[in-house]
Amino acid sequence: MNSDLVADVHDLKFRLEWGQPAFTIIDVRDRHIYNHGHITGAIQIPLDELVKRAKLSLHTERQIYIYGDNEAQAAHAVQKLRDAGFTYATEIKGGLTAWKTVGGATEGVAA
């Protein structure tokens, strides 16, 4: 696994806590699942709309962190964005589960 394609949740949490907001977190899970709980501040974009919507609203040099239902889905989303020119698209290693394990903030119905 290419290490520049995967971000550690500790690093991401540190960036949020120290006010380094120059990045976007994208949740590629289904909207219903997203509504039940997601990383605070994450935006939900379905995998099939990811490239189109990212091109409309995000700069290709933006740091983008992605998580999904599983690591395979997240890795696929990262590859789609990288293929579309988003140089700094990165998978959140362990996704939402890992994020919760380190005490990262979540929001949603079940959060």
N, C-alpha and C. Protein backbone atom coordinates (compact mmCIF):
# COMPACT_ATOMS: atom_id res chain seq x y z
N MET A 1 0.84 -1.18 0.00
CA MET A 1 0.00 0.00 0.00
C MET A 1 0.89 1.24 0.00
N ASN A 2 0.64 2.16 -0.88
CA ASN A 2 1.41 3.39 -1.00
C ASN A 2 1.10 4.30 0.19
N SER A 3 2.11 4.66 0.98
CA SER A 3 1.88 5.40 2.22
C SER A 3 1.32 6.80 1.99
N ASP A 4 1.56 7.40 0.82
CA ASP A 4 1.00 8.74 0.60
C ASP A 4 -0.48 8.68 0.22
N LEU A 5 -1.02 7.47 0.10
CA LEU A 5 -2.44 7.31 -0.19
C LEU A 5 -3.27 7.09 1.08
N VAL A 6 -2.59 6.93 2.23
CA VAL A 6 -3.27 6.60 3.47
C VAL A 6 -2.86 7.57 4.58
N ALA A 7 -3.85 8.09 5.30
CA ALA A 7 -3.58 9.00 6.42
C ALA A 7 -3.93 8.33 7.73
N ASP A 8 -3.13 8.59 8.75
CA ASP A 8 -3.38 8.06 10.08
C ASP A 8 -4.39 8.97 10.80
N VAL A 9 -5.34 8.36 11.51
CA VAL A 9 -6.38 9.14 12.19
C VAL A 9 -5.79 10.06 13.26
N HIS A 10 -4.69 9.65 13.87
CA HIS A 10 -4.06 10.50 14.88
C HIS A 10 -3.59 11.81 14.25
N ASP A 11 -2.98 11.72 13.07
CA ASP A 11 -2.50 12.91 12.37
C ASP A 11 -3.66 13.83 11.99
N LEU A 12 -4.73 13.24 11.50
CA LEU A 12 -5.90 14.03 11.11
C LEU A 12 -6.52 14.72 12.32
N LYS A 13 -6.67 13.98 13.40
CA LYS A 13 -7.24 14.55 14.64
C LYS A 13 -6.36 15.70 15.14
N PHE A 14 -5.06 15.52 15.10
CA PHE A 14 -4.11 16.56 15.51
C PHE A 14 -4.30 17.82 14.67
N ARG A 15 -4.41 17.65 13.36
CA ARG A 15 -4.61 18.81 12.48
C ARG A 15 -5.89 19.56 12.82
N LEU A 16 -6.97 18.82 13.10
CA LEU A 16 -8.23 19.47 13.47
C LEU A 16 -8.11 20.20 14.79
N GLU A 17 -7.50 19.56 15.78
CA GLU A 17 -7.38 20.16 17.11
C GLU A 17 -6.50 21.39 17.12
N TRP A 18 -5.52 21.44 16.25
CA TRP A 18 -4.61 22.58 16.21
C TRP A 18 -4.99 23.60 15.14
N GLY A 19 -6.24 23.51 14.67
CA GLY A 19 -6.76 24.54 13.77
C GLY A 19 -6.08 24.61 12.42
N GLN A 20 -5.81 23.47 11.83
CA GLN A 20 -5.24 23.43 10.49
C GLN A 20 -6.32 22.95 9.53
N PRO A 21 -7.29 23.81 9.22
CA PRO A 21 -8.48 23.38 8.48
C PRO A 21 -8.37 23.37 6.96
N ALA A 22 -7.19 23.51 6.41
CA ALA A 22 -7.06 23.60 4.96
C ALA A 22 -7.18 22.23 4.29
N PHE A 23 -8.26 21.52 4.61
CA PHE A 23 -8.50 20.22 4.01
C PHE A 23 -9.99 19.93 4.05
N THR A 24 -10.38 18.90 3.32
CA THR A 24 -11.77 18.48 3.25
C THR A 24 -11.84 16.99 3.57
N ILE A 25 -12.86 16.60 4.36
CA ILE A 25 -13.09 15.19 4.65
C ILE A 25 -14.33 14.77 3.88
N ILE A 26 -14.22 13.71 3.10
CA ILE A 26 -15.35 13.21 2.30
C ILE A 26 -15.72 11.80 2.75
N ASP A 27 -17.00 11.62 2.99
CA ASP A 27 -17.58 10.33 3.36
C ASP A 27 -18.31 9.82 2.12
N VAL A 28 -17.86 8.69 1.57
CA VAL A 28 -18.47 8.18 0.34
C VAL A 28 -19.52 7.10 0.61
N ARG A 29 -19.89 6.95 1.88
CA ARG A 29 -20.94 5.98 2.21
C ARG A 29 -22.31 6.51 1.79
N ASP A 30 -23.29 5.64 1.82
CA ASP A 30 -24.67 5.98 1.52
C ASP A 30 -25.17 7.10 2.44
N ARG A 31 -26.01 7.99 1.93
CA ARG A 31 -26.53 9.13 2.69
C ARG A 31 -27.20 8.70 3.99
N HIS A 32 -27.98 7.63 3.96
CA HIS A 32 -28.69 7.15 5.16
C HIS A 32 -27.67 6.74 6.24
N ILE A 33 -26.63 6.04 5.85
CA ILE A 33 -25.60 5.62 6.80
C ILE A 33 -24.85 6.85 7.33
N TYR A 34 -24.52 7.76 6.44
CA TYR A 34 -23.85 9.02 6.82
C TYR A 34 -24.67 9.77 7.87
N ASN A 35 -25.99 9.85 7.66
CA ASN A 35 -26.85 10.58 8.58
C ASN A 35 -26.85 9.99 9.98
N HIS A 36 -26.56 8.69 10.08
CA HIS A 36 -26.54 8.03 11.39
C HIS A 36 -25.26 8.28 12.16
N GLY A 37 -24.23 8.73 11.50
CA GLY A 37 -22.99 9.04 12.19
C GLY A 37 -21.84 9.21 11.22
N HIS A 38 -21.12 10.31 11.38
CA HIS A 38 -19.98 10.58 10.51
C HIS A 38 -18.99 11.48 11.24
N ILE A 39 -17.80 11.61 10.69
CA ILE A 39 -16.79 12.50 11.26
C ILE A 39 -17.33 13.92 11.17
N THR A 40 -17.23 14.64 12.28
CA THR A 40 -17.71 16.02 12.32
C THR A 40 -17.04 16.84 11.21
N GLY A 41 -17.87 17.50 10.42
CA GLY A 41 -17.38 18.33 9.33
C GLY A 41 -17.23 17.61 8.00
N ALA A 42 -17.40 16.29 8.00
CA ALA A 42 -17.27 15.54 6.73
C ALA A 42 -18.46 15.85 5.83
N ILE A 43 -18.19 15.88 4.53
CA ILE A 43 -19.27 16.04 3.57
C ILE A 43 -19.54 14.69 2.92
N GLN A 44 -20.79 14.43 2.62
CA GLN A 44 -21.16 13.15 2.02
C GLN A 44 -21.28 13.33 0.52
N ILE A 45 -20.52 12.53 -0.22
CA ILE A 45 -20.62 12.51 -1.68
C ILE A 45 -20.61 11.04 -2.10
N PRO A 46 -21.68 10.58 -2.74
CA PRO A 46 -21.71 9.18 -3.20
C PRO A 46 -20.58 8.91 -4.20
N LEU A 47 -20.06 7.71 -4.17
CA LEU A 47 -18.94 7.33 -5.02
C LEU A 47 -19.20 7.62 -6.49
N ASP A 48 -20.43 7.37 -6.96
CA ASP A 48 -20.73 7.58 -8.38
C ASP A 48 -20.80 9.05 -8.77
N GLU A 49 -20.85 9.97 -7.80
CA GLU A 49 -20.88 11.41 -8.09
C GLU A 49 -19.59 12.10 -7.66
N LEU A 50 -18.67 11.34 -7.10
CA LEU A 50 -17.49 11.91 -6.45
C LEU A 50 -16.67 12.82 -7.36
N VAL A 51 -16.24 12.33 -8.49
CA VAL A 51 -15.37 13.11 -9.37
C VAL A 51 -16.09 14.36 -9.87
N LYS A 52 -17.32 14.20 -10.32
CA LYS A 52 -18.08 15.35 -10.85
C LYS A 52 -18.24 16.43 -9.79
N ARG A 53 -18.66 16.06 -8.61
CA ARG A 53 -18.89 17.04 -7.55
C ARG A 53 -17.60 17.63 -7.01
N ALA A 54 -16.56 16.83 -6.94
CA ALA A 54 -15.27 17.34 -6.48
C ALA A 54 -14.73 18.38 -7.46
N LYS A 55 -14.86 18.10 -8.75
CA LYS A 55 -14.39 19.05 -9.75
C LYS A 55 -15.16 20.38 -9.69
N LEU A 56 -16.44 20.32 -9.31
CA LEU A 56 -17.24 21.53 -9.21
C LEU A 56 -16.91 22.36 -7.97
N SER A 57 -16.51 21.70 -6.88
CA SER A 57 -16.40 22.44 -5.63
C SER A 57 -15.03 22.45 -4.95
N LEU A 58 -14.09 21.65 -5.42
CA LEU A 58 -12.79 21.57 -4.75
C LEU A 58 -11.64 21.83 -5.71
N HIS A 59 -10.62 22.48 -5.22
CA HIS A 59 -9.42 22.72 -6.01
C HIS A 59 -8.61 21.42 -6.06
N THR A 60 -7.98 21.15 -7.18
CA THR A 60 -7.24 19.89 -7.33
C THR A 60 -6.03 19.80 -6.40
N GLU A 61 -5.58 20.91 -5.85
CA GLU A 61 -4.45 20.90 -4.92
C GLU A 61 -4.91 20.80 -3.46
N ARG A 62 -6.21 20.73 -3.23
CA ARG A 62 -6.75 20.65 -1.87
C ARG A 62 -6.40 19.31 -1.24
N GLN A 63 -6.08 19.32 0.04
CA GLN A 63 -5.86 18.06 0.78
C GLN A 63 -7.24 17.48 1.05
N ILE A 64 -7.49 16.26 0.59
CA ILE A 64 -8.79 15.60 0.74
C ILE A 64 -8.58 14.27 1.45
N TYR A 65 -9.32 14.08 2.54
CA TYR A 65 -9.30 12.81 3.27
C TYR A 65 -10.61 12.09 3.00
N ILE A 66 -10.54 10.80 2.71
CA ILE A 66 -11.73 10.03 2.32
C ILE A 66 -11.88 8.78 3.18
N TYR A 67 -13.13 8.50 3.54
CA TYR A 67 -13.44 7.21 4.16
C TYR A 67 -14.77 6.73 3.62
N GLY A 68 -14.99 5.40 3.75
CA GLY A 68 -16.22 4.80 3.23
C GLY A 68 -16.66 3.64 4.11
N ASP A 69 -17.43 2.73 3.52
CA ASP A 69 -17.91 1.56 4.25
C ASP A 69 -16.77 0.65 4.68
N ASN A 70 -15.71 0.63 3.87
CA ASN A 70 -14.55 -0.21 4.14
C ASN A 70 -13.34 0.39 3.44
N GLU A 71 -12.18 -0.19 3.70
CA GLU A 71 -10.96 0.38 3.12
C GLU A 71 -10.91 0.22 1.60
N ALA A 72 -11.51 -0.84 1.07
CA ALA A 72 -11.52 -1.03 -0.38
C ALA A 72 -12.31 0.09 -1.06
N GLN A 73 -13.46 0.44 -0.49
CA GLN A 73 -14.29 1.51 -1.05
C GLN A 73 -13.54 2.84 -0.97
N ALA A 74 -12.91 3.11 0.17
CA ALA A 74 -12.16 4.35 0.34
C ALA A 74 -10.98 4.41 -0.63
N ALA A 75 -10.26 3.31 -0.78
CA ALA A 75 -9.12 3.27 -1.69
C ALA A 75 -9.57 3.50 -3.13
N HIS A 76 -10.71 2.94 -3.50
CA HIS A 76 -11.27 3.14 -4.85
C HIS A 76 -11.60 4.62 -5.05
N ALA A 77 -12.19 5.25 -4.05
CA ALA A 77 -12.54 6.67 -4.14
C ALA A 77 -11.29 7.54 -4.28
N VAL A 78 -10.26 7.22 -3.51
CA VAL A 78 -9.00 7.95 -3.61
C VAL A 78 -8.43 7.82 -5.01
N GLN A 79 -8.43 6.61 -5.55
CA GLN A 79 -7.87 6.40 -6.88
C GLN A 79 -8.66 7.16 -7.95
N LYS A 80 -9.99 7.19 -7.81
CA LYS A 80 -10.82 7.95 -8.76
C LYS A 80 -10.45 9.43 -8.74
N LEU A 81 -10.28 9.98 -7.55
CA LEU A 81 -9.93 11.40 -7.45
C LEU A 81 -8.52 11.65 -7.97
N ARG A 82 -7.60 10.79 -7.63
CA ARG A 82 -6.23 10.98 -8.11
C ARG A 82 -6.17 10.89 -9.64
N ASP A 83 -6.92 9.96 -10.20
CA ASP A 83 -6.99 9.85 -11.67
C ASP A 83 -7.58 11.10 -12.30
N ALA A 84 -8.42 11.81 -11.53
CA ALA A 84 -9.06 13.04 -12.03
C ALA A 84 -8.21 14.28 -11.74
N GLY A 85 -7.01 14.08 -11.18
CA GLY A 85 -6.10 15.20 -10.97
C GLY A 85 -6.02 15.74 -9.55
N PHE A 86 -6.70 15.10 -8.61
CA PHE A 86 -6.64 15.54 -7.22
C PHE A 86 -5.43 14.88 -6.54
N THR A 87 -4.32 15.59 -6.58
CA THR A 87 -3.02 15.08 -6.15
C THR A 87 -2.98 14.63 -4.70
N TYR A 88 -3.73 15.32 -3.84
CA TYR A 88 -3.62 15.07 -2.41
C TYR A 88 -4.83 14.37 -1.81
N ALA A 89 -5.48 13.51 -2.59
CA ALA A 89 -6.57 12.69 -2.07
C ALA A 89 -5.94 11.53 -1.30
N THR A 90 -6.44 11.31 -0.07
CA THR A 90 -5.84 10.34 0.83
C THR A 90 -6.94 9.58 1.58
N GLU A 91 -6.74 8.29 1.74
CA GLU A 91 -7.67 7.45 2.51
C GLU A 91 -7.41 7.61 4.00
N ILE A 92 -8.46 7.69 4.79
CA ILE A 92 -8.32 7.69 6.25
C ILE A 92 -8.21 6.23 6.68
N LYS A 93 -7.03 5.84 7.14
CA LYS A 93 -6.79 4.44 7.52
C LYS A 93 -7.72 4.04 8.66
N GLY A 94 -8.51 3.01 8.43
CA GLY A 94 -9.43 2.52 9.45
C GLY A 94 -10.78 3.21 9.45
N GLY A 95 -10.91 4.28 8.66
CA GLY A 95 -12.19 4.96 8.50
C GLY A 95 -12.81 5.47 9.79
N LEU A 96 -14.13 5.47 9.81
CA LEU A 96 -14.88 6.00 10.94
C LEU A 96 -14.60 5.23 12.23
N THR A 97 -14.43 3.94 12.14
CA THR A 97 -14.15 3.12 13.34
C THR A 97 -12.86 3.57 14.00
N ALA A 98 -11.80 3.74 13.21
CA ALA A 98 -10.52 4.18 13.75
C ALA A 98 -10.64 5.60 14.32
N TRP A 99 -11.39 6.43 13.62
CA TRP A 99 -11.60 7.81 14.08
C TRP A 99 -12.26 7.83 15.47
N LYS A 100 -13.29 7.01 15.64
CA LYS A 100 -13.96 6.94 16.94
C LYS A 100 -13.03 6.38 18.01
N THR A 101 -12.17 5.43 17.65
CA THR A 101 -11.24 4.80 18.59
C THR A 101 -10.29 5.83 19.20
N VAL A 102 -9.88 6.83 18.42
CA VAL A 102 -8.97 7.86 18.94
C VAL A 102 -9.71 9.04 19.55
N GLY A 103 -11.04 8.91 19.65
CA GLY A 103 -11.85 9.96 20.28
C GLY A 103 -12.14 11.14 19.38
N GLY A 104 -12.09 10.90 18.06
CA GLY A 104 -12.41 11.97 17.12
C GLY A 104 -13.90 12.34 17.20
N ALA A 105 -14.18 13.59 16.97
CA ALA A 105 -15.57 14.08 17.06
C ALA A 105 -16.42 13.54 15.92
N THR A 106 -17.64 13.14 16.27
CA THR A 106 -18.60 12.66 15.28
C THR A 106 -19.92 13.39 15.49
N GLU A 107 -20.75 13.32 14.46
CA GLU A 107 -22.09 13.89 14.54
C GLU A 107 -23.04 13.03 13.75
N GLY A 108 -24.33 13.18 14.01
CA GLY A 108 -25.34 12.38 13.32
C GLY A 108 -26.29 11.77 14.34
N VAL A 109 -27.29 11.08 13.85
CA VAL A 109 -28.34 10.51 14.69
C VAL A 109 -27.79 9.61 15.79
N ALA A 110 -26.83 8.73 15.44
CA ALA A 110 -26.32 7.76 16.41
C ALA A 110 -24.95 8.15 16.98
N ALA A 111 -24.47 9.34 16.66
CA ALA A 111 -23.14 9.74 17.07
C ALA A 111 -23.02 10.04 18.51
